PDB file of all heavy atoms in Angstrom:
ATOM      1  N   GLU A   1      -6.336 -11.899  -6.096  1.00  0.00           N
ATOM      2  CA  GLU A   1      -5.221 -11.099  -5.770  1.00  0.00           C
ATOM      3  C   GLU A   1      -4.171 -11.181  -6.887  1.00  0.00           C
ATOM      4  O   GLU A   1      -3.485 -12.247  -7.078  1.00  0.00           O
ATOM      5  CB  GLU A   1      -4.541 -11.345  -4.430  1.00  0.00           C
ATOM      6  CG  GLU A   1      -5.358 -11.191  -3.279  1.00  0.00           C
ATOM      7  CD  GLU A   1      -4.611 -11.124  -1.980  1.00  0.00           C
ATOM      8  OE1 GLU A   1      -3.366 -11.276  -2.044  1.00  0.00           O
ATOM      9  OE2 GLU A   1      -5.175 -11.086  -0.951  1.00  0.00           O
ATOM     10  N   ASN A   2      -4.225 -10.322  -7.882  1.00  0.00           N
ATOM     11  CA  ASN A   2      -3.246 -10.341  -9.058  1.00  0.00           C
ATOM     12  C   ASN A   2      -1.963  -9.924  -8.580  1.00  0.00           C
ATOM     13  O   ASN A   2      -1.679  -8.642  -8.591  1.00  0.00           O
ATOM     14  CB  ASN A   2      -3.897  -9.619 -10.234  1.00  0.00           C
ATOM     15  CG  ASN A   2      -3.141  -9.851 -11.472  1.00  0.00           C
ATOM     16  OD1 ASN A   2      -1.936 -10.023 -11.548  1.00  0.00           O
ATOM     17  ND2 ASN A   2      -3.978  -9.720 -12.593  1.00  0.00           N
ATOM     18  N   GLY A   3      -0.925 -10.694  -8.551  1.00  0.00           N
ATOM     19  CA  GLY A   3       0.383 -10.315  -8.169  1.00  0.00           C
ATOM     20  C   GLY A   3       1.034  -9.307  -9.142  1.00  0.00           C
ATOM     21  O   GLY A   3       1.903  -8.541  -8.794  1.00  0.00           O
ATOM     22  N   LYS A   4       0.596  -9.186 -10.459  1.00  0.00           N
ATOM     23  CA  LYS A   4       1.124  -8.298 -11.291  1.00  0.00           C
ATOM     24  C   LYS A   4       0.704  -6.898 -10.878  1.00  0.00           C
ATOM     25  O   LYS A   4       1.355  -5.880 -11.386  1.00  0.00           O
ATOM     26  CB  LYS A   4       0.809  -8.584 -12.705  1.00  0.00           C
ATOM     27  CG  LYS A   4       1.413  -9.972 -13.288  1.00  0.00           C
ATOM     28  CD  LYS A   4       0.932 -10.188 -14.682  1.00  0.00           C
ATOM     29  CE  LYS A   4       1.594 -11.439 -15.182  1.00  0.00           C
ATOM     30  NZ  LYS A   4       1.169 -11.705 -16.483  1.00  0.00           N
ATOM     31  N   LEU A   5      -0.445  -6.709 -10.275  1.00  0.00           N
ATOM     32  CA  LEU A   5      -1.055  -5.349 -10.003  1.00  0.00           C
ATOM     33  C   LEU A   5      -0.802  -4.871  -8.561  1.00  0.00           C
ATOM     34  O   LEU A   5      -0.856  -3.736  -8.284  1.00  0.00           O
ATOM     35  CB  LEU A   5      -2.547  -5.408 -10.326  1.00  0.00           C
ATOM     36  CG  LEU A   5      -2.935  -5.687 -11.780  1.00  0.00           C
ATOM     37  CD1 LEU A   5      -4.451  -5.818 -11.856  1.00  0.00           C
ATOM     38  CD2 LEU A   5      -2.424  -4.660 -12.642  1.00  0.00           C
ATOM     39  N   ILE A   6      -0.488  -5.779  -7.648  1.00  0.00           N
ATOM     40  CA  ILE A   6      -0.348  -5.496  -6.295  1.00  0.00           C
ATOM     41  C   ILE A   6       1.253  -5.424  -6.049  1.00  0.00           C
ATOM     42  O   ILE A   6       1.880  -6.469  -6.355  1.00  0.00           O
ATOM     43  CB  ILE A   6      -0.937  -6.556  -5.414  1.00  0.00           C
ATOM     44  CG1 ILE A   6      -2.419  -6.663  -5.689  1.00  0.00           C
ATOM     45  CG2 ILE A   6      -0.727  -6.218  -3.961  1.00  0.00           C
ATOM     46  CD1 ILE A   6      -3.153  -7.747  -5.049  1.00  0.00           C
ATOM     47  N   PRO A   7       1.811  -4.461  -5.385  1.00  0.00           N
ATOM     48  CA  PRO A   7       3.212  -4.248  -5.184  1.00  0.00           C
ATOM     49  C   PRO A   7       3.538  -5.315  -4.007  1.00  0.00           C
ATOM     50  O   PRO A   7       2.852  -5.915  -3.338  1.00  0.00           O
ATOM     51  CB  PRO A   7       3.362  -2.800  -4.769  1.00  0.00           C
ATOM     52  CG  PRO A   7       2.043  -2.507  -4.088  1.00  0.00           C
ATOM     53  CD  PRO A   7       0.922  -3.268  -4.904  1.00  0.00           C
ATOM     54  N   ALA A   8       4.921  -5.349  -3.820  1.00  0.00           N
ATOM     55  CA  ALA A   8       5.449  -6.157  -2.689  1.00  0.00           C
ATOM     56  C   ALA A   8       4.971  -5.577  -1.286  1.00  0.00           C
ATOM     57  O   ALA A   8       4.570  -4.351  -1.350  1.00  0.00           O
ATOM     58  CB  ALA A   8       6.959  -6.014  -2.836  1.00  0.00           C
ATOM     59  N   ASP A   9       4.948  -6.371  -0.423  1.00  0.00           N
ATOM     60  CA  ASP A   9       4.388  -5.992   0.894  1.00  0.00           C
ATOM     61  C   ASP A   9       5.043  -4.703   1.406  1.00  0.00           C
ATOM     62  O   ASP A   9       4.394  -3.886   2.083  1.00  0.00           O
ATOM     63  CB  ASP A   9       4.574  -7.147   1.918  1.00  0.00           C
ATOM     64  CG  ASP A   9       3.703  -8.411   1.673  1.00  0.00           C
ATOM     65  OD1 ASP A   9       2.605  -8.185   1.142  1.00  0.00           O
ATOM     66  OD2 ASP A   9       4.005  -9.534   2.082  1.00  0.00           O
ATOM     67  N   SER A  10       6.355  -4.540   1.332  1.00  0.00           N
ATOM     68  CA  SER A  10       7.075  -3.399   1.829  1.00  0.00           C
ATOM     69  C   SER A  10       6.587  -2.133   1.142  1.00  0.00           C
ATOM     70  O   SER A  10       6.282  -1.075   1.808  1.00  0.00           O
ATOM     71  CB  SER A  10       8.420  -3.425   1.499  1.00  0.00           C
ATOM     72  OG  SER A  10       8.841  -3.644   0.294  1.00  0.00           O
ATOM     73  N   GLU A  11       6.317  -2.175  -0.061  1.00  0.00           N
ATOM     74  CA  GLU A  11       5.802  -0.937  -0.900  1.00  0.00           C
ATOM     75  C   GLU A  11       4.332  -0.756  -0.504  1.00  0.00           C
ATOM     76  O   GLU A  11       3.826   0.394  -0.278  1.00  0.00           O
ATOM     77  CB  GLU A  11       5.922  -1.119  -2.413  1.00  0.00           C
ATOM     78  CG  GLU A  11       5.400   0.136  -3.261  1.00  0.00           C
ATOM     79  CD  GLU A  11       5.524  -0.016  -4.727  1.00  0.00           C
ATOM     80  OE1 GLU A  11       6.093  -0.965  -5.180  1.00  0.00           O
ATOM     81  OE2 GLU A  11       4.787   0.753  -5.334  1.00  0.00           O
ATOM     82  N   LEU A  12       3.553  -1.818  -0.440  1.00  0.00           N
ATOM     83  CA  LEU A  12       2.120  -1.720  -0.134  1.00  0.00           C
ATOM     84  C   LEU A  12       2.036  -1.167   1.317  1.00  0.00           C
ATOM     85  O   LEU A  12       1.056  -0.207   1.515  1.00  0.00           O
ATOM     86  CB  LEU A  12       1.440  -3.154  -0.226  1.00  0.00           C
ATOM     87  CG  LEU A  12       0.042  -3.125   0.295  1.00  0.00           C
ATOM     88  CD1 LEU A  12      -0.847  -2.171  -0.660  1.00  0.00           C
ATOM     89  CD2 LEU A  12      -0.607  -4.645   0.299  1.00  0.00           C
ATOM     90  N   LEU A  13       2.793  -1.587   2.219  1.00  0.00           N
ATOM     91  CA  LEU A  13       2.706  -0.991   3.590  1.00  0.00           C
ATOM     92  C   LEU A  13       2.937   0.489   3.575  1.00  0.00           C
ATOM     93  O   LEU A  13       2.260   1.300   4.268  1.00  0.00           O
ATOM     94  CB  LEU A  13       3.581  -1.743   4.509  1.00  0.00           C
ATOM     95  CG  LEU A  13       3.636  -1.312   6.093  1.00  0.00           C
ATOM     96  CD1 LEU A  13       2.180  -1.426   6.563  1.00  0.00           C
ATOM     97  CD2 LEU A  13       4.569  -2.083   6.790  1.00  0.00           C
ATOM     98  N   GLN A  14       3.954   0.853   2.915  1.00  0.00           N
ATOM     99  CA  GLN A  14       4.293   2.289   2.832  1.00  0.00           C
ATOM    100  C   GLN A  14       3.083   2.993   2.214  1.00  0.00           C
ATOM    101  O   GLN A  14       2.743   4.204   2.640  1.00  0.00           O
ATOM    102  CB  GLN A  14       5.614   2.619   2.064  1.00  0.00           C
ATOM    103  CG  GLN A  14       5.982   3.974   1.821  1.00  0.00           C
ATOM    104  CD  GLN A  14       6.337   4.650   3.270  1.00  0.00           C
ATOM    105  OE1 GLN A  14       6.744   3.994   4.176  1.00  0.00           O
ATOM    106  NE2 GLN A  14       5.769   5.875   3.359  1.00  0.00           N
ATOM    107  N   LYS A  15       2.519   2.610   1.172  1.00  0.00           N
ATOM    108  CA  LYS A  15       1.408   3.294   0.635  1.00  0.00           C
ATOM    109  C   LYS A  15       0.196   3.363   1.483  1.00  0.00           C
ATOM    110  O   LYS A  15      -0.523   4.204   1.569  1.00  0.00           O
ATOM    111  CB  LYS A  15       0.983   2.711  -0.686  1.00  0.00           C
ATOM    112  CG  LYS A  15       2.037   2.797  -1.820  1.00  0.00           C
ATOM    113  CD  LYS A  15       2.264   4.149  -2.153  1.00  0.00           C
ATOM    114  CE  LYS A  15       3.285   4.289  -3.485  1.00  0.00           C
ATOM    115  NZ  LYS A  15       3.506   5.665  -3.817  1.00  0.00           N
ATOM    116  N   MET A  16       0.090   2.276   2.244  1.00  0.00           N
ATOM    117  CA  MET A  16      -1.114   2.082   3.302  1.00  0.00           C
ATOM    118  C   MET A  16      -0.829   3.248   4.403  1.00  0.00           C
ATOM    119  O   MET A  16      -1.809   3.859   4.756  1.00  0.00           O
ATOM    120  CB  MET A  16      -1.045   0.722   3.968  1.00  0.00           C
ATOM    121  CG  MET A  16      -1.630  -0.387   2.944  1.00  0.00           C
ATOM    122  SD  MET A  16      -1.480  -1.989   3.748  1.00  0.00           S
ATOM    123  CE  MET A  16      -2.403  -1.878   5.251  1.00  0.00           C
ATOM    124  N   LYS A  17       0.430   3.382   4.834  1.00  0.00           N
ATOM    125  CA  LYS A  17       0.693   4.471   5.805  1.00  0.00           C
ATOM    126  C   LYS A  17       0.445   5.817   5.293  1.00  0.00           C
ATOM    127  O   LYS A  17      -0.118   6.653   6.003  1.00  0.00           O
ATOM    128  CB  LYS A  17       2.205   4.222   6.277  1.00  0.00           C
ATOM    129  CG  LYS A  17       2.538   3.087   7.024  1.00  0.00           C
ATOM    130  CD  LYS A  17       3.998   2.923   7.223  1.00  0.00           C
ATOM    131  CE  LYS A  17       4.630   4.016   8.188  1.00  0.00           C
ATOM    132  NZ  LYS A  17       6.042   3.739   8.404  1.00  0.00           N
ATOM    133  N   GLU A  18       0.770   6.095   3.997  1.00  0.00           N
ATOM    134  CA  GLU A  18       0.490   7.291   3.527  1.00  0.00           C
ATOM    135  C   GLU A  18      -1.033   7.551   3.322  1.00  0.00           C
ATOM    136  O   GLU A  18      -1.488   8.748   3.706  1.00  0.00           O
ATOM    137  CB  GLU A  18       0.998   7.465   2.035  1.00  0.00           C
ATOM    138  CG  GLU A  18       2.645   7.425   2.127  1.00  0.00           C
ATOM    139  CD  GLU A  18       3.276   7.298   0.777  1.00  0.00           C
ATOM    140  OE1 GLU A  18       2.487   7.289  -0.355  1.00  0.00           O
ATOM    141  OE2 GLU A  18       4.419   7.177   0.669  1.00  0.00           O
ATOM    142  N   TYR A  19      -1.813   6.576   2.849  1.00  0.00           N
ATOM    143  CA  TYR A  19      -3.100   6.731   2.747  1.00  0.00           C
ATOM    144  C   TYR A  19      -3.745   6.921   4.178  1.00  0.00           C
ATOM    145  O   TYR A  19      -4.745   7.862   4.349  1.00  0.00           O
ATOM    146  CB  TYR A  19      -3.858   5.456   2.131  1.00  0.00           C
ATOM    147  CG  TYR A  19      -5.235   5.472   1.990  1.00  0.00           C
ATOM    148  CD1 TYR A  19      -5.781   6.011   0.696  1.00  0.00           C
ATOM    149  CD2 TYR A  19      -6.199   5.131   2.896  1.00  0.00           C
ATOM    150  CE1 TYR A  19      -7.219   6.060   0.414  1.00  0.00           C
ATOM    151  CE2 TYR A  19      -7.546   5.061   2.613  1.00  0.00           C
ATOM    152  CZ  TYR A  19      -8.088   5.558   1.429  1.00  0.00           C
ATOM    153  OH  TYR A  19      -9.378   5.629   1.301  1.00  0.00           O
ATOM    154  N   SER A  20      -3.449   6.190   5.154  1.00  0.00           N
ATOM    155  CA  SER A  20      -3.845   6.377   6.480  1.00  0.00           C
ATOM    156  C   SER A  20      -3.704   7.745   6.998  1.00  0.00           C
ATOM    157  O   SER A  20      -4.608   8.255   7.573  1.00  0.00           O
ATOM    158  CB  SER A  20      -3.333   5.266   7.422  1.00  0.00           C
ATOM    159  OG  SER A  20      -3.769   5.401   8.776  1.00  0.00           O
ATOM    160  N   SER A  21      -2.565   8.268   6.913  1.00  0.00           N
ATOM    161  CA  SER A  21      -2.130   9.567   7.316  1.00  0.00           C
ATOM    162  C   SER A  21      -3.032  10.593   6.673  1.00  0.00           C
ATOM    163  O   SER A  21      -3.464  11.652   7.347  1.00  0.00           O
ATOM    164  CB  SER A  21      -0.764   9.911   7.069  1.00  0.00           C
ATOM    165  OG  SER A  21       0.155   9.051   7.844  1.00  0.00           O
ATOM    166  N   GLU A  22      -3.332  10.445   5.424  1.00  0.00           N
ATOM    167  CA  GLU A  22      -4.186  11.377   4.708  1.00  0.00           C
ATOM    168  C   GLU A  22      -5.650  11.239   5.046  1.00  0.00           C
ATOM    169  O   GLU A  22      -6.445  12.072   4.612  1.00  0.00           O
ATOM    170  CB  GLU A  22      -4.001  11.170   3.174  1.00  0.00           C
ATOM    171  CG  GLU A  22      -2.572  11.466   2.722  1.00  0.00           C
ATOM    172  CD  GLU A  22      -2.272  10.982   1.320  1.00  0.00           C
ATOM    173  OE1 GLU A  22      -3.291  10.404   0.747  1.00  0.00           O
ATOM    174  OE2 GLU A  22      -1.217  11.203   0.826  1.00  0.00           O
ATOM    175  N   HIS A  23      -6.198  10.306   5.639  1.00  0.00           N
ATOM    176  CA  HIS A  23      -7.509  10.009   6.027  1.00  0.00           C
ATOM    177  C   HIS A  23      -7.666   9.813   7.564  1.00  0.00           C
ATOM    178  O   HIS A  23      -8.290   8.911   8.110  1.00  0.00           O
ATOM    179  CB  HIS A  23      -7.974   8.774   5.204  1.00  0.00           C
ATOM    180  CG  HIS A  23      -8.117   8.953   3.746  1.00  0.00           C
ATOM    181  ND1 HIS A  23      -6.980   8.863   2.971  1.00  0.00           N
ATOM    182  CD2 HIS A  23      -9.055   9.296   2.944  1.00  0.00           C
ATOM    183  CE1 HIS A  23      -7.193   9.129   1.789  1.00  0.00           C
ATOM    184  NE2 HIS A  23      -8.569   9.316   1.631  1.00  0.00           N
ATOM    185  N   ASP A  24      -7.166  10.846   8.296  1.00  0.00           N
ATOM    186  CA  ASP A  24      -7.389  10.852   9.801  1.00  0.00           C
ATOM    187  C   ASP A  24      -6.876   9.647  10.582  1.00  0.00           C
ATOM    188  O   ASP A  24      -7.490   9.240  11.461  1.00  0.00           O
ATOM    189  CB  ASP A  24      -8.863  11.148  10.163  1.00  0.00           C
ATOM    190  CG  ASP A  24      -9.427  12.485   9.416  1.00  0.00           C
ATOM    191  OD1 ASP A  24      -8.627  13.438   9.496  1.00  0.00           O
ATOM    192  OD2 ASP A  24     -10.532  12.606   8.974  1.00  0.00           O
TER     193      ASP A  24
END
């Protein structure tokens, strides 16, 4: 897990929510 490439948990969770919504 490269910390320079993975965003903070709050941003990652938001992106996860967006991805999930876009994929049923």
